[in-house]
């Protein structure tokens, strides 16, 4: 009887381990699928950003993007040429402080 009980316990442990392995495999597949989808979204977002950047840089007029407090967030090539090499230092700074007459 004792041997039979031990075999039953071993069988139960094996069964639980098998279920745990199956669950882990299913979770791994789910995570891999989610990761692939997110990576594809990121790739598409990067492509859209590159297209937008190309359009903005093709505009011959100086263009600057600010946040709601008029802090410079981005600008095009024409704006960069207008302010020469200093333009990169203006990111995050107030447009009003840089161009007070604007």
C-alpha atoms as a PDB file:
ATOM      1  CA  UNK A   1       0.000   0.000   0.000  1.00  0.00           C
ATOM      2  CA  UNK A   2       2.802   2.391   0.865  1.00  0.00           C
ATOM      3  CA  UNK A   3       4.494   1.773  -2.481  1.00  0.00           C
ATOM      4  CA  UNK A   4       1.233   2.453  -4.310  1.00  0.00           C
ATOM      5  CA  UNK A   5       0.772   5.707  -2.430  1.00  0.00           C
ATOM      6  CA  UNK A   6       4.339   6.813  -3.262  1.00  0.00           C
ATOM      7  CA  UNK A   7       3.758   6.017  -6.937  1.00  0.00           C
ATOM      8  CA  UNK A   8       0.559   8.058  -6.879  1.00  0.00           C
ATOM      9  CA  UNK A   9       2.388  11.045  -5.330  1.00  0.00           C
ATOM     10  CA  UNK A  10       5.170  10.763  -7.923  1.00  0.00           C
ATOM     11  CA  UNK A  11       2.588  10.564 -10.692  1.00  0.00           C
ATOM     12  CA  UNK A  12       0.798  13.668  -9.345  1.00  0.00           C
ATOM     13  CA  UNK A  13       4.081  15.605  -9.140  1.00  0.00           C
ATOM     14  CA  UNK A  14       4.978  14.625 -12.701  1.00  0.00           C
ATOM     15  CA  UNK A  15       1.539  15.649 -13.901  1.00  0.00           C
ATOM     16  CA  UNK A  16       1.802  19.044 -12.201  1.00  0.00           C
ATOM     17  CA  UNK A  17       5.272  19.603 -13.626  1.00  0.00           C
ATOM     18  CA  UNK A  18       4.022  18.708 -17.068  1.00  0.00           C
ATOM     19  CA  UNK A  19       1.160  21.207 -16.738  1.00  0.00           C
ATOM     20  CA  UNK A  20       3.582  23.873 -15.487  1.00  0.00           C
ATOM     21  CA  UNK A  21       5.862  23.263 -18.459  1.00  0.00           C
ATOM     22  CA  UNK A  22       2.925  23.540 -20.829  1.00  0.00           C
ATOM     23  CA  UNK A  23       1.840  26.795 -19.186  1.00  0.00           C
ATOM     24  CA  UNK A  24       5.367  28.207 -19.395  1.00  0.00           C
ATOM     25  CA  UNK A  25       5.552  27.280 -23.065  1.00  0.00           C
ATOM     26  CA  UNK A  26       2.203  28.971 -23.705  1.00  0.00           C
ATOM     27  CA  UNK A  27       3.340  32.104 -21.814  1.00  0.00           C
ATOM     28  CA  UNK A  28       6.594  32.150 -23.770  1.00  0.00           C
ATOM     29  CA  UNK A  29       4.711  31.967 -27.047  1.00  0.00           C
ATOM     30  CA  UNK A  30       2.377  34.771 -25.931  1.00  0.00           C
ATOM     31  CA  UNK A  31       5.284  36.983 -24.902  1.00  0.00           C
ATOM     32  CA  UNK A  32       7.111  36.290 -28.150  1.00  0.00           C
ATOM     33  CA  UNK A  33       4.009  37.208 -30.134  1.00  0.00           C
ATOM     34  CA  UNK A  34       3.516  40.427 -28.183  1.00  0.00           C
ATOM     35  CA  UNK A  35       7.190  41.309 -28.609  1.00  0.00           C
ATOM     36  CA  UNK A  36       7.029  40.782 -32.384  1.00  0.00           C
ATOM     37  CA  UNK A  37       3.907  42.939 -32.659  1.00  0.00           C
ATOM     38  CA  UNK A  38       5.434  45.735 -30.591  1.00  0.00           C
ATOM     39  CA  UNK A  39       8.655  45.597 -32.598  1.00  0.00           C
ATOM     40  CA  UNK A  40       6.634  45.902 -35.827  1.00  0.00           C
ATOM     41  CA  UNK A  41       4.705  48.872 -34.411  1.00  0.00           C
ATOM     42  CA  UNK A  42       8.001  50.521 -33.486  1.00  0.00           C
ATOM     43  CA  UNK A  43       9.372  49.926 -36.986  1.00  0.00           C
ATOM     44  CA  UNK A  44       6.271  51.471 -38.589  1.00  0.00           C
ATOM     45  CA  UNK A  45       6.398  54.420 -36.213  1.00  0.00           C
ATOM     46  CA  UNK A  46      10.053  55.003 -37.118  1.00  0.00           C
ATOM     47  CA  UNK A  47       9.184  54.916 -40.822  1.00  0.00           C
ATOM     48  CA  UNK A  48       6.408  57.456 -40.291  1.00  0.00           C
ATOM     49  CA  UNK A  49       8.772  59.679 -38.316  1.00  0.00           C
ATOM     50  CA  UNK A  50      11.361  59.538 -41.111  1.00  0.00           C
ATOM     51  CA  UNK A  51       8.729  60.488 -43.698  1.00  0.00           C
ATOM     52  CA  UNK A  52       7.502  63.374 -41.565  1.00  0.00           C
ATOM     53  CA  UNK A  53      11.080  64.536 -40.965  1.00  0.00           C
ATOM     54  CA  UNK A  54      11.720  64.495 -44.734  1.00  0.00           C
ATOM     55  CA  UNK A  55       8.593  66.572 -45.397  1.00  0.00           C
ATOM     56  CA  UNK A  56       9.403  69.087 -42.654  1.00  0.00           C
ATOM     57  CA  UNK A  57      13.013  69.433 -43.826  1.00  0.00           C
ATOM     58  CA  UNK A  58      11.874  69.962 -47.419  1.00  0.00           C
ATOM     59  CA  UNK A  59      10.003  73.127 -46.396  1.00  0.00           C
ATOM     60  CA  UNK A  60      12.097  76.125 -47.398  1.00  0.00           C
ATOM     61  CA  UNK A  61      10.711  78.381 -44.663  1.00  0.00           C
ATOM     62  CA  UNK A  62      12.107  78.171 -41.146  1.00  0.00           C
ATOM     63  CA  UNK A  63       9.816  76.038 -39.043  1.00  0.00           C
ATOM     64  CA  UNK A  64       9.955  75.358 -35.326  1.00  0.00           C
ATOM     65  CA  UNK A  65       7.782  73.123 -33.140  1.00  0.00           C
ATOM     66  CA  UNK A  66       7.136  74.165 -29.554  1.00  0.00           C
ATOM     67  CA  UNK A  67       5.265  72.751 -26.594  1.00  0.00           C
ATOM     68  CA  UNK A  68       2.414  74.583 -24.857  1.00  0.00           C
ATOM     69  CA  UNK A  69       4.953  76.749 -22.968  1.00  0.00           C
ATOM     70  CA  UNK A  70       6.738  77.744 -26.218  1.00  0.00           C
ATOM     71  CA  UNK A  71       9.793  75.647 -25.446  1.00  0.00           C
ATOM     72  CA  UNK A  72      11.473  74.461 -28.642  1.00  0.00           C
ATOM     73  CA  UNK A  73      10.925  70.759 -29.257  1.00  0.00           C
ATOM     74  CA  UNK A  74      12.023  70.435 -32.877  1.00  0.00           C
ATOM     75  CA  UNK A  75      12.885  72.480 -35.971  1.00  0.00           C
ATOM     76  CA  UNK A  76      13.637  72.034 -39.636  1.00  0.00           C
ATOM     77  CA  UNK A  77      16.830  72.561 -41.613  1.00  0.00           C
ATOM     78  CA  UNK A  78      15.811  76.100 -42.659  1.00  0.00           C
ATOM     79  CA  UNK A  79      15.499  77.126 -38.989  1.00  0.00           C
ATOM     80  CA  UNK A  80      18.837  75.499 -38.267  1.00  0.00           C
ATOM     81  CA  UNK A  81      20.489  77.440 -41.100  1.00  0.00           C
ATOM     82  CA  UNK A  82      18.870  80.653 -39.887  1.00  0.00           C
ATOM     83  CA  UNK A  83      20.451  80.249 -36.454  1.00  0.00           C
ATOM     84  CA  UNK A  84      23.657  78.638 -37.759  1.00  0.00           C
ATOM     85  CA  UNK A  85      25.389  76.053 -35.600  1.00  0.00           C
ATOM     86  CA  UNK A  86      23.712  77.275 -32.398  1.00  0.00           C
ATOM     87  CA  UNK A  87      20.359  75.712 -33.248  1.00  0.00           C
ATOM     88  CA  UNK A  88      21.016  72.402 -31.460  1.00  0.00           C
ATOM     89  CA  UNK A  89      21.583  74.251 -28.177  1.00  0.00           C
ATOM     90  CA  UNK A  90      18.079  75.735 -28.354  1.00  0.00           C
ATOM     91  CA  UNK A  91      16.185  72.466 -27.922  1.00  0.00           C
ATOM     92  CA  UNK A  92      14.058  72.672 -24.790  1.00  0.00           C
ATOM     93  CA  UNK A  93      14.637  76.424 -24.419  1.00  0.00           C
ATOM     94  CA  UNK A  94      12.024  79.139 -24.711  1.00  0.00           C
ATOM     95  CA  UNK A  95      11.370  80.444 -28.216  1.00  0.00           C
ATOM     96  CA  UNK A  96      10.569  83.831 -26.691  1.00  0.00           C
ATOM     97  CA  UNK A  97      13.996  84.029 -25.041  1.00  0.00           C
ATOM     98  CA  UNK A  98      15.766  83.093 -28.274  1.00  0.00           C
ATOM     99  CA  UNK A  99      13.694  85.268 -30.610  1.00  0.00           C
ATOM    100  CA  UNK A 100      12.274  88.007 -28.357  1.00  0.00           C
ATOM    101  CA  UNK A 101      10.981  90.082 -31.286  1.00  0.00           C
ATOM    102  CA  UNK A 102       8.855  87.185 -32.559  1.00  0.00           C
END
